[in-house]
Amino acid sequence: EIATLRALGFSKFSILLSFLFESVVLALLGGAVGTVAALAMGFVRFSMINFSNWSEIVIRFRPTPGIVIQAIVFAGVLGVLGGMLPAVRAARLKLLDALRA
């Protein structure tokens, strides 16, 4: 893929941006799937009984819009951080080395 892009005349910066964009999109998709799974946890109740006074303790997860936004932003930041090194390495790769790989 890198060799094809370089052979077509893409600049190193364009390759860097395309790899970084792909990383961020995948991270955001993963964050969205995780957020939907967390929203489904809103329907689950965990209950325990305190045996010292026989009271019931109920634990519920209620995600707020702020938590959802923070989760998506966190996923995007991790996508940038996780994709930076491979993107830089792909951009620095010479055409002949990319064709050999």
PDB file of N, CA and C in Angstrom:
ATOM      1  N   GLU A   1       0.827  -1.185   0.000  1.00  0.00           N
ATOM      2  CA  GLU A   1       0.000   0.000   0.000  1.00  0.00           C
ATOM      3  C   GLU A   1       0.876   1.256   0.000  1.00  0.00           C
ATOM      4  N   ILE A   2       1.910   1.243   0.815  1.00  0.00           N
ATOM      5  CA  ILE A   2       2.797   2.408   0.886  1.00  0.00           C
ATOM      6  C   ILE A   2       3.508   2.596  -0.445  1.00  0.00           C
ATOM      7  N   ALA A   3       3.986   1.504  -1.020  1.00  0.00           N
ATOM      8  CA  ALA A   3       4.703   1.598  -2.294  1.00  0.00           C
ATOM      9  C   ALA A   3       3.779   2.095  -3.400  1.00  0.00           C
ATOM     10  N   THR A   4       2.545   1.647  -3.387  1.00  0.00           N
ATOM     11  CA  THR A   4       1.588   2.091  -4.412  1.00  0.00           C
ATOM     12  C   THR A   4       1.328   3.586  -4.287  1.00  0.00           C
ATOM     13  N   LEU A   5       1.136   4.046  -3.064  1.00  0.00           N
ATOM     14  CA  LEU A   5       0.906   5.479  -2.867  1.00  0.00           C
ATOM     15  C   LEU A   5       2.115   6.303  -3.285  1.00  0.00           C
ATOM     16  N   ARG A   6       3.309   5.837  -2.913  1.00  0.00           N
ATOM     17  CA  ARG A   6       4.525   6.573  -3.286  1.00  0.00           C
ATOM     18  C   ARG A   6       4.726   6.555  -4.797  1.00  0.00           C
ATOM     19  N   ALA A   7       4.426   5.422  -5.439  1.00  0.00           N
ATOM     20  CA  ALA A   7       4.590   5.325  -6.892  1.00  0.00           C
ATOM     21  C   ALA A   7       3.593   6.227  -7.620  1.00  0.00           C
ATOM     22  N   LEU A   8       2.436   6.442  -7.017  1.00  0.00           N
ATOM     23  CA  LEU A   8       1.444   7.327  -7.623  1.00  0.00           C
ATOM     24  C   LEU A   8       1.761   8.801  -7.398  1.00  0.00           C
ATOM     25  N   GLY A   9       2.776   9.077  -6.599  1.00  0.00           N
ATOM     26  CA  GLY A   9       3.209  10.454  -6.413  1.00  0.00           C
ATOM     27  C   GLY A   9       2.708  11.129  -5.154  1.00  0.00           C
ATOM     28  N   PHE A  10       2.177  10.365  -4.228  1.00  0.00           N
ATOM     29  CA  PHE A  10       1.727  10.958  -2.969  1.00  0.00           C
ATOM     30  C   PHE A  10       2.932  11.423  -2.165  1.00  0.00           C
ATOM     31  N   SER A  11       2.780  12.539  -1.501  1.00  0.00           N
ATOM     32  CA  SER A  11       3.885  13.051  -0.683  1.00  0.00           C
ATOM     33  C   SER A  11       3.959  12.272   0.631  1.00  0.00           C
ATOM     34  N   LYS A  12       5.086  12.427   1.299  1.00  0.00           N
ATOM     35  CA  LYS A  12       5.260  11.755   2.584  1.00  0.00           C
ATOM     36  C   LYS A  12       4.236  12.262   3.599  1.00  0.00           C
ATOM     37  N   PHE A  13       3.921  13.551   3.527  1.00  0.00           N
ATOM     38  CA  PHE A  13       2.940  14.122   4.441  1.00  0.00           C
ATOM     39  C   PHE A  13       1.554  13.540   4.183  1.00  0.00           C
ATOM     40  N   SER A  14       1.203  13.310   2.929  1.00  0.00           N
ATOM     41  CA  SER A  14      -0.093  12.714   2.595  1.00  0.00           C
ATOM     42  C   SER A  14      -0.204  11.295   3.123  1.00  0.00           C
ATOM     43  N   ILE A  15       0.882  10.548   3.027  1.00  0.00           N
ATOM     44  CA  ILE A  15       0.896   9.181   3.547  1.00  0.00           C
ATOM     45  C   ILE A  15       0.772   9.202   5.064  1.00  0.00           C
ATOM     46  N   LEU A  16       1.477  10.116   5.698  1.00  0.00           N
ATOM     47  CA  LEU A  16       1.385  10.255   7.151  1.00  0.00           C
ATOM     48  C   LEU A  16      -0.056  10.550   7.567  1.00  0.00           C
ATOM     49  N   LEU A  17      -0.693  11.497   6.886  1.00  0.00           N
ATOM     50  CA  LEU A  17      -2.067  11.857   7.219  1.00  0.00           C
ATOM     51  C   LEU A  17      -3.041  10.714   6.956  1.00  0.00           C
ATOM     52  N   SER A  18      -2.837   9.978   5.889  1.00  0.00           N
ATOM     53  CA  SER A  18      -3.773   8.887   5.584  1.00  0.00           C
ATOM     54  C   SER A  18      -3.675   7.777   6.624  1.00  0.00           C
ATOM     55  N   PHE A  19      -2.466   7.438   7.050  1.00  0.00           N
ATOM     56  CA  PHE A  19      -2.312   6.405   8.077  1.00  0.00           C
ATOM     57  C   PHE A  19      -2.847   6.887   9.418  1.00  0.00           C
ATOM     58  N   LEU A  20      -2.601   8.129   9.733  1.00  0.00           N
ATOM     59  CA  LEU A  20      -3.100   8.691  10.985  1.00  0.00           C
ATOM     60  C   LEU A  20      -4.626   8.774  10.967  1.00  0.00           C
ATOM     61  N   PHE A  21      -5.187   9.164   9.840  1.00  0.00           N
ATOM     62  CA  PHE A  21      -6.643   9.231   9.705  1.00  0.00           C
ATOM     63  C   PHE A  21      -7.272   7.854   9.880  1.00  0.00           C
ATOM     64  N   GLU A  22      -6.663   6.853   9.268  1.00  0.00           N
ATOM     65  CA  GLU A  22      -7.174   5.484   9.398  1.00  0.00           C
ATOM     66  C   GLU A  22      -7.142   5.027  10.852  1.00  0.00           C
ATOM     67  N   SER A  23      -6.072   5.338  11.545  1.00  0.00           N
ATOM     68  CA  SER A  23      -5.944   4.964  12.949  1.00  0.00           C
ATOM     69  C   SER A  23      -7.010   5.635  13.808  1.00  0.00           C
ATOM     70  N   VAL A  24      -7.244   6.910  13.572  1.00  0.00           N
ATOM     71  CA  VAL A  24      -8.236   7.645  14.358  1.00  0.00           C
ATOM     72  C   VAL A  24      -9.649   7.139  14.065  1.00  0.00           C
ATOM     73  N   VAL A  25      -9.945   6.866  12.809  1.00  0.00           N
ATOM     74  CA  VAL A  25     -11.279   6.368  12.450  1.00  0.00           C
ATOM     75  C   VAL A  25     -11.534   5.011  13.117  1.00  0.00           C
ATOM     76  N   LEU A  26     -10.550   4.122  13.082  1.00  0.00           N
ATOM     77  CA  LEU A  26     -10.720   2.816  13.726  1.00  0.00           C
ATOM     78  C   LEU A  26     -10.885   2.956  15.236  1.00  0.00           C
ATOM     79  N   ALA A  27     -10.133   3.858  15.842  1.00  0.00           N
ATOM     80  CA  ALA A  27     -10.253   4.077  17.285  1.00  0.00           C
ATOM     81  C   ALA A  27     -11.612   4.663  17.635  1.00  0.00           C
ATOM     82  N   LEU A  28     -12.114   5.597  16.836  1.00  0.00           N
ATOM     83  CA  LEU A  28     -13.421   6.183  17.099  1.00  0.00           C
ATOM     84  C   LEU A  28     -14.547   5.164  16.915  1.00  0.00           C
ATOM     85  N   LEU A  29     -14.405   4.288  15.925  1.00  0.00           N
ATOM     86  CA  LEU A  29     -15.393   3.225  15.753  1.00  0.00           C
ATOM     87  C   LEU A  29     -15.381   2.281  16.952  1.00  0.00           C
ATOM     88  N   GLY A  30     -14.199   1.928  17.424  1.00  0.00           N
ATOM     89  CA  GLY A  30     -14.093   1.093  18.611  1.00  0.00           C
ATOM     90  C   GLY A  30     -14.663   1.782  19.839  1.00  0.00           C
ATOM     91  N   GLY A  31     -14.418   3.083  19.946  1.00  0.00           N
ATOM     92  CA  GLY A  31     -14.971   3.844  21.059  1.00  0.00           C
ATOM     93  C   GLY A  31     -16.489   3.911  21.000  1.00  0.00           C
ATOM     94  N   ALA A  32     -17.029   4.025  19.793  1.00  0.00           N
ATOM     95  CA  ALA A  32     -18.487   4.067  19.638  1.00  0.00           C
ATOM     96  C   ALA A  32     -19.113   2.720  19.998  1.00  0.00           C
ATOM     97  N   VAL A  33     -18.483   1.632  19.571  1.00  0.00           N
ATOM     98  CA  VAL A  33     -18.994   0.302  19.917  1.00  0.00           C
ATOM     99  C   VAL A  33     -18.924   0.089  21.428  1.00  0.00           C
ATOM    100  N   GLY A  34     -17.822   0.501  22.038  1.00  0.00           N
ATOM    101  CA  GLY A  34     -17.695   0.387  23.490  1.00  0.00           C
ATOM    102  C   GLY A  34     -18.707   1.244  24.227  1.00  0.00           C
ATOM    103  N   THR A  35     -18.994   2.411  23.699  1.00  0.00           N
ATOM    104  CA  THR A  35     -19.988   3.291  24.324  1.00  0.00           C
ATOM    105  C   THR A  35     -21.379   2.689  24.236  1.00  0.00           C
ATOM    106  N   VAL A  36     -21.712   2.091  23.096  1.00  0.00           N
ATOM    107  CA  VAL A  36     -23.019   1.440  22.961  1.00  0.00           C
ATOM    108  C   VAL A  36     -23.126   0.268  23.938  1.00  0.00           C
ATOM    109  N   ALA A  37     -22.037  -0.473  24.088  1.00  0.00           N
ATOM    110  CA  ALA A  37     -22.047  -1.579  25.058  1.00  0.00           C
ATOM    111  C   ALA A  37     -22.198  -1.048  26.479  1.00  0.00           C
ATOM    112  N   ALA A  38     -21.571   0.072  26.775  1.00  0.00           N
ATOM    113  CA  ALA A  38     -21.707   0.670  28.110  1.00  0.00           C
ATOM    114  C   ALA A  38     -23.116   1.196  28.333  1.00  0.00           C
ATOM    115  N   LEU A  39     -23.738   1.735  27.293  1.00  0.00           N
ATOM    116  CA  LEU A  39     -25.118   2.194  27.430  1.00  0.00           C
ATOM    117  C   LEU A  39     -26.057   1.017  27.705  1.00  0.00           C
ATOM    118  N   ALA A  40     -25.745  -0.140  27.142  1.00  0.00           N
ATOM    119  CA  ALA A  40     -26.547  -1.327  27.407  1.00  0.00           C
ATOM    120  C   ALA A  40     -26.418  -1.759  28.870  1.00  0.00           C
ATOM    121  N   MET A  41     -25.293  -1.419  29.493  1.00  0.00           N
ATOM    122  CA  MET A  41     -25.120  -1.753  30.911  1.00  0.00           C
ATOM    123  C   MET A  41     -26.054  -0.947  31.806  1.00  0.00           C
ATOM    124  N   GLY A  42     -26.678   0.089  31.279  1.00  0.00           N
ATOM    125  CA  GLY A  42     -27.632   0.871  32.051  1.00  0.00           C
ATOM    126  C   GLY A  42     -28.863   0.078  32.434  1.00  0.00           C
ATOM    127  N   PHE A  43     -29.109  -1.022  31.735  1.00  0.00           N
ATOM    128  CA  PHE A  43     -30.270  -1.855  32.030  1.00  0.00           C
ATOM    129  C   PHE A  43     -29.959  -2.967  33.028  1.00  0.00           C
ATOM    130  N   VAL A  44     -28.711  -3.073  33.450  1.00  0.00           N
ATOM    131  CA  VAL A  44     -28.290  -4.136  34.351  1.00  0.00           C
ATOM    132  C   VAL A  44     -28.229  -3.597  35.772  1.00  0.00           C
ATOM    133  N   ARG A  45     -28.728  -4.392  36.709  1.00  0.00           N
ATOM    134  CA  ARG A  45     -28.667  -4.030  38.129  1.00  0.00           C
ATOM    135  C   ARG A  45     -27.890  -5.099  38.865  1.00  0.00           C
ATOM    136  N   PHE A  46     -26.996  -4.671  39.720  1.00  0.00           N
ATOM    137  CA  PHE A  46     -26.275  -5.585  40.595  1.00  0.00           C
ATOM    138  C   PHE A  46     -26.787  -5.357  42.007  1.00  0.00           C
ATOM    139  N   SER A  47     -27.267  -6.396  42.637  1.00  0.00           N
ATOM    140  CA  SER A  47     -27.768  -6.231  43.997  1.00  0.00           C
ATOM    141  C   SER A  47     -27.034  -7.177  44.931  1.00  0.00           C
ATOM    142  N   MET A  48     -26.781  -6.678  46.106  1.00  0.00           N
ATOM    143  CA  MET A  48     -26.110  -7.453  47.148  1.00  0.00           C
ATOM    144  C   MET A  48     -26.894  -7.277  48.445  1.00  0.00           C
ATOM    145  N   ILE A  49     -26.777  -8.244  49.307  1.00  0.00           N
ATOM    146  CA  ILE A  49     -27.443  -8.145  50.601  1.00  0.00           C
ATOM    147  C   ILE A  49     -26.385  -7.968  51.678  1.00  0.00           C
ATOM    148  N   ASN A  50     -26.591  -6.954  52.490  1.00  0.00           N
ATOM    149  CA  ASN A  50     -25.734  -6.699  53.644  1.00  0.00           C
ATOM    150  C   ASN A  50     -26.266  -7.565  54.783  1.00  0.00           C
ATOM    151  N   PHE A  51     -25.509  -8.591  55.160  1.00  0.00           N
ATOM    152  CA  PHE A  51     -25.992  -9.549  56.139  1.00  0.00           C
ATOM    153  C   PHE A  51     -25.977  -9.017  57.570  1.00  0.00           C
ATOM    154  N   SER A  52     -25.307  -7.905  57.814  1.00  0.00           N
ATOM    155  CA  SER A  52     -25.305  -7.384  59.185  1.00  0.00           C
ATOM    156  C   SER A  52     -26.636  -6.739  59.559  1.00  0.00           C
ATOM    157  N   ASN A  53     -27.292  -6.083  58.600  1.00  0.00           N
ATOM    158  CA  ASN A  53     -28.596  -5.488  58.898  1.00  0.00           C
ATOM    159  C   ASN A  53     -29.665  -5.894  57.877  1.00  0.00           C
ATOM    160  N   TRP A  54     -29.384  -6.866  57.033  1.00  0.00           N
ATOM    161  CA  TRP A  54     -30.304  -7.424  56.056  1.00  0.00           C
ATOM    162  C   TRP A  54     -30.887  -6.368  55.111  1.00  0.00           C
ATOM    163  N   SER A  55     -30.059  -5.425  54.723  1.00  0.00           N
ATOM    164  CA  SER A  55     -30.495  -4.431  53.743  1.00  0.00           C
ATOM    165  C   SER A  55     -29.931  -4.796  52.372  1.00  0.00           C
ATOM    166  N   GLU A  56     -30.634  -4.371  51.349  1.00  0.00           N
ATOM    167  CA  GLU A  56     -30.205  -4.653  49.976  1.00  0.00           C
ATOM    168  C   GLU A  56     -29.500  -3.426  49.409  1.00  0.00           C
ATOM    169  N   ILE A  57     -28.372  -3.671  48.778  1.00  0.00           N
ATOM    170  CA  ILE A  57     -27.603  -2.608  48.123  1.00  0.00           C
ATOM    171  C   ILE A  57     -27.695  -2.856  46.620  1.00  0.00           C
ATOM    172  N   VAL A  58     -28.187  -1.863  45.885  1.00  0.00           N
ATOM    173  CA  VAL A  58     -28.353  -1.997  44.440  1.00  0.00           C
ATOM    174  C   VAL A  58     -27.381  -1.040  43.756  1.00  0.00           C
ATOM    175  N   ILE A  59     -26.620  -1.591  42.805  1.00  0.00           N
ATOM    176  CA  ILE A  59     -25.650  -0.790  42.050  1.00  0.00           C
ATOM    177  C   ILE A  59     -26.112  -0.754  40.601  1.00  0.00           C
ATOM    178  N   ARG A  60     -26.246   0.445  40.061  1.00  0.00           N
ATOM    179  CA  ARG A  60     -26.625   0.642  38.663  1.00  0.00           C
ATOM    180  C   ARG A  60     -25.623   1.568  37.996  1.00  0.00           C
ATOM    181  N   PHE A  61     -25.439   1.367  36.718  1.00  0.00           N
ATOM    182  CA  PHE A  61     -24.562   2.225  35.930  1.00  0.00           C
ATOM    183  C   PHE A  61     -25.437   3.142  35.096  1.00  0.00           C
ATOM    184  N   ARG A  62     -25.296   4.432  35.301  1.00  0.00           N
ATOM    185  CA  ARG A  62     -26.074   5.412  34.542  1.00  0.00           C
ATOM    186  C   ARG A  62     -25.121   6.355  33.819  1.00  0.00           C
ATOM    187  N   PRO A  63     -24.839   6.080  32.555  1.00  0.00           N
ATOM    188  CA  PRO A  63     -23.923   6.962  31.820  1.00  0.00           C
ATOM    189  C   PRO A  63     -24.573   8.312  31.513  1.00  0.00           C
ATOM    190  N   THR A  64     -23.811   9.351  31.707  1.00  0.00           N
ATOM    191  CA  THR A  64     -24.279  10.695  31.391  1.00  0.00           C
ATOM    192  C   THR A  64     -23.715  11.108  30.033  1.00  0.00           C
ATOM    193  N   PRO A  65     -24.285  12.137  29.417  1.00  0.00           N
ATOM    194  CA  PRO A  65     -23.718  12.602  28.142  1.00  0.00           C
ATOM    195  C   PRO A  65     -22.247  13.024  28.275  1.00  0.00           C
ATOM    196  N   GLY A  66     -21.868  13.562  29.425  1.00  0.00           N
ATOM    197  CA  GLY A  66     -20.472  13.944  29.631  1.00  0.00           C
ATOM    198  C   GLY A  66     -19.538  12.751  29.607  1.00  0.00           C
ATOM    199  N   ILE A  67     -19.971  11.641  30.210  1.00  0.00           N
ATOM    200  CA  ILE A  67     -19.152  10.424  30.210  1.00  0.00           C
ATOM    201  C   ILE A  67     -19.019   9.881  28.793  1.00  0.00           C
ATOM    202  N   VAL A  68     -20.094   9.911  28.037  1.00  0.00           N
ATOM    203  CA  VAL A  68     -20.069   9.406  26.662  1.00  0.00           C
ATOM    204  C   VAL A  68     -19.122  10.245  25.812  1.00  0.00           C
ATOM    205  N   ILE A  69     -19.189  11.556  25.945  1.00  0.00           N
ATOM    206  CA  ILE A  69     -18.302  12.444  25.173  1.00  0.00           C
ATOM    207  C   ILE A  69     -16.851  12.226  25.577  1.00  0.00           C
ATOM    208  N   GLN A  70     -16.598  12.106  26.871  1.00  0.00           N
ATOM    209  CA  GLN A  70     -15.224  11.855  27.334  1.00  0.00           C
ATOM    210  C   GLN A  70     -14.690  10.537  26.786  1.00  0.00           C
ATOM    211  N   ALA A  71     -15.529   9.518  26.716  1.00  0.00           N
ATOM    212  CA  ALA A  71     -15.092   8.217  26.202  1.00  0.00           C
ATOM    213  C   ALA A  71     -14.728   8.305  24.723  1.00  0.00           C
ATOM    214  N   ILE A  72     -15.533   9.009  23.947  1.00  0.00           N
ATOM    215  CA  ILE A  72     -15.253   9.143  22.514  1.00  0.00           C
ATOM    216  C   ILE A  72     -13.985   9.972  22.289  1.00  0.00           C
ATOM    217  N   VAL A  73     -13.831  11.052  23.043  1.00  0.00           N
ATOM    218  CA  VAL A  73     -12.618  11.883  22.924  1.00  0.00           C
ATOM    219  C   VAL A  73     -11.387  11.077  23.325  1.00  0.00           C
ATOM    220  N   PHE A  74     -11.509  10.306  24.398  1.00  0.00           N
ATOM    221  CA  PHE A  74     -10.390   9.477  24.854  1.00  0.00           C
ATOM    222  C   PHE A  74     -10.004   8.455  23.779  1.00  0.00           C
ATOM    223  N   ALA A  75     -10.994   7.860  23.126  1.00  0.00           N
ATOM    224  CA  ALA A  75     -10.711   6.911  22.053  1.00  0.00           C
ATOM    225  C   ALA A  75      -9.997   7.599  20.891  1.00  0.00           C
ATOM    226  N   GLY A  76     -10.421   8.808  20.553  1.00  0.00           N
ATOM    227  CA  GLY A  76      -9.760   9.545  19.472  1.00  0.00           C
ATOM    228  C   GLY A  76      -8.324   9.902  19.798  1.00  0.00           C
ATOM    229  N   VAL A  77      -8.079  10.320  21.041  1.00  0.00           N
ATOM    230  CA  VAL A  77      -6.711  10.655  21.470  1.00  0.00           C
ATOM    231  C   VAL A  77      -5.827   9.413  21.421  1.00  0.00           C
ATOM    232  N   LEU A  78      -6.358   8.282  21.888  1.00  0.00           N
ATOM    233  CA  LEU A  78      -5.576   7.049  21.823  1.00  0.00           C
ATOM    234  C   LEU A  78      -5.321   6.616  20.385  1.00  0.00           C
ATOM    235  N   GLY A  79      -6.264   6.902  19.492  1.00  0.00           N
ATOM    236  CA  GLY A  79      -6.047   6.606  18.078  1.00  0.00           C
ATOM    237  C   GLY A  79      -4.910   7.425  17.501  1.00  0.00           C
ATOM    238  N   VAL A  80      -4.843   8.701  17.881  1.00  0.00           N
ATOM    239  CA  VAL A  80      -3.741   9.556  17.412  1.00  0.00           C
ATOM    240  C   VAL A  80      -2.416   9.063  17.985  1.00  0.00           C
ATOM    241  N   LEU A  81      -2.394   8.802  19.286  1.00  0.00           N
ATOM    242  CA  LEU A  81      -1.140   8.367  19.922  1.00  0.00           C
ATOM    243  C   LEU A  81      -0.697   7.004  19.409  1.00  0.00           C
ATOM    244  N   GLY A  82      -1.644   6.088  19.258  1.00  0.00           N
ATOM    245  CA  GLY A  82      -1.291   4.746  18.793  1.00  0.00           C
ATOM    246  C   GLY A  82      -0.938   4.690  17.323  1.00  0.00           C
ATOM    247  N   GLY A  83      -1.449   5.590  16.531  1.00  0.00           N
ATOM    248  CA  GLY A  83      -1.176   5.577  15.098  1.00  0.00           C
ATOM    249  C   GLY A  83      -0.030   6.457  14.675  1.00  0.00           C
ATOM    250  N   MET A  84       0.501   7.263  15.586  1.00  0.00           N
ATOM    251  CA  MET A  84       1.557   8.204  15.211  1.00  0.00           C
ATOM    252  C   MET A  84       2.837   7.493  14.774  1.00  0.00           C
ATOM    253  N   LEU A  85       3.311   6.539  15.560  1.00  0.00           N
ATOM    254  CA  LEU A  85       4.564   5.864  15.220  1.00  0.00           C
ATOM    255  C   LEU A  85       4.461   5.090  13.903  1.00  0.00           C
ATOM    256  N   PRO A  86       3.421   4.265  13.688  1.00  0.00           N
ATOM    257  CA  PRO A  86       3.328   3.591  12.385  1.00  0.00           C
ATOM    258  C   PRO A  86       3.173   4.568  11.216  1.00  0.00           C
ATOM    259  N   ALA A  87       2.477   5.677  11.438  1.00  0.00           N
ATOM    260  CA  ALA A  87       2.299   6.652  10.364  1.00  0.00           C
ATOM    261  C   ALA A  87       3.618   7.319  10.014  1.00  0.00           C
ATOM    262  N   VAL A  88       4.409   7.667  11.024  1.00  0.00           N
ATOM    263  CA  VAL A  88       5.711   8.288  10.771  1.00  0.00           C
ATOM    264  C   VAL A  88       6.636   7.296  10.083  1.00  0.00           C
ATOM    265  N   ARG A  89       6.614   6.052  10.525  1.00  0.00           N
ATOM    266  CA  ARG A  89       7.465   5.032   9.887  1.00  0.00           C
ATOM    267  C   ARG A  89       7.052   4.801   8.442  1.00  0.00           C
ATOM    268  N   ALA A  90       5.756   4.809   8.171  1.00  0.00           N
ATOM    269  CA  ALA A  90       5.291   4.622   6.790  1.00  0.00           C
ATOM    270  C   ALA A  90       5.672   5.806   5.917  1.00  0.00           C
ATOM    271  N   ALA A  91       5.607   7.002   6.466  1.00  0.00           N
ATOM    272  CA  ALA A  91       5.947   8.191   5.682  1.00  0.00           C
ATOM    273  C   ALA A  91       7.442   8.257   5.375  1.00  0.00           C
ATOM    274  N   ARG A  92       8.261   7.760   6.287  1.00  0.00           N
ATOM    275  CA  ARG A  92       9.724   7.807   6.078  1.00  0.00           C
ATOM    276  C   ARG A  92      10.243   6.678   5.199  1.00  0.00           C
ATOM    277  N   LEU A  93       9.421   5.672   4.946  1.00  0.00           N
ATOM    278  CA  LEU A  93       9.851   4.520   4.171  1.00  0.00           C
ATOM    279  C   LEU A  93      10.148   4.927   2.734  1.00  0.00           C
ATOM    280  N   LYS A  94      11.303   4.508   2.243  1.00  0.00           N
ATOM    281  CA  LYS A  94      11.693   4.822   0.863  1.00  0.00           C
ATOM    282  C   LYS A  94      10.927   3.921  -0.095  1.00  0.00           C
ATOM    283  N   LEU A  95      10.765   4.393  -1.317  1.00  0.00           N
ATOM    284  CA  LEU A  95       9.963   3.680  -2.310  1.00  0.00           C
ATOM    285  C   LEU A  95      10.507   2.287  -2.563  1.00  0.00           C
ATOM    286  N   LEU A  96      11.800   2.149  -2.756  1.00  0.00           N
ATOM    287  CA  LEU A  96      12.383   0.826  -3.036  1.00  0.00           C
ATOM    288  C   LEU A  96      12.235  -0.107  -1.845  1.00  0.00           C
ATOM    289  N   ASP A  97      12.389   0.395  -0.643  1.00  0.00           N
ATOM    290  CA  ASP A  97      12.193  -0.452   0.538  1.00  0.00           C
ATOM    291  C   ASP A  97      10.744  -0.895   0.667  1.00  0.00           C
ATOM    292  N   ALA A  98       9.823  -0.012   0.304  1.00  0.00           N
ATOM    293  CA  ALA A  98       8.407  -0.361   0.372  1.00  0.00           C
ATOM    294  C   ALA A  98       8.057  -1.409  -0.686  1.00  0.00           C
ATOM    295  N   LEU A  99       8.704  -1.336  -1.846  1.00  0.00           N
ATOM    296  CA  LEU A  99       8.445  -2.325  -2.889  1.00  0.00           C
ATOM    297  C   LEU A  99       9.001  -3.691  -2.505  1.00  0.00           C
ATOM    298  N   ARG A 100      10.070  -3.727  -1.762  1.00  0.00           N
ATOM    299  CA  ARG A 100      10.672  -5.006  -1.340  1.00  0.00           C
ATOM    300  C   ARG A 100       9.829  -5.704  -0.284  1.00  0.00           C
ATOM    301  N   ALA A 101       9.130  -4.932   0.526  1.00  0.00           N
ATOM    302  CA  ALA A 101       8.397  -5.517   1.656  1.00  0.00           C
ATOM    303  C   ALA A 101       7.128  -6.180   1.252  1.00  0.00           C
TER     304      ALA A 101
END
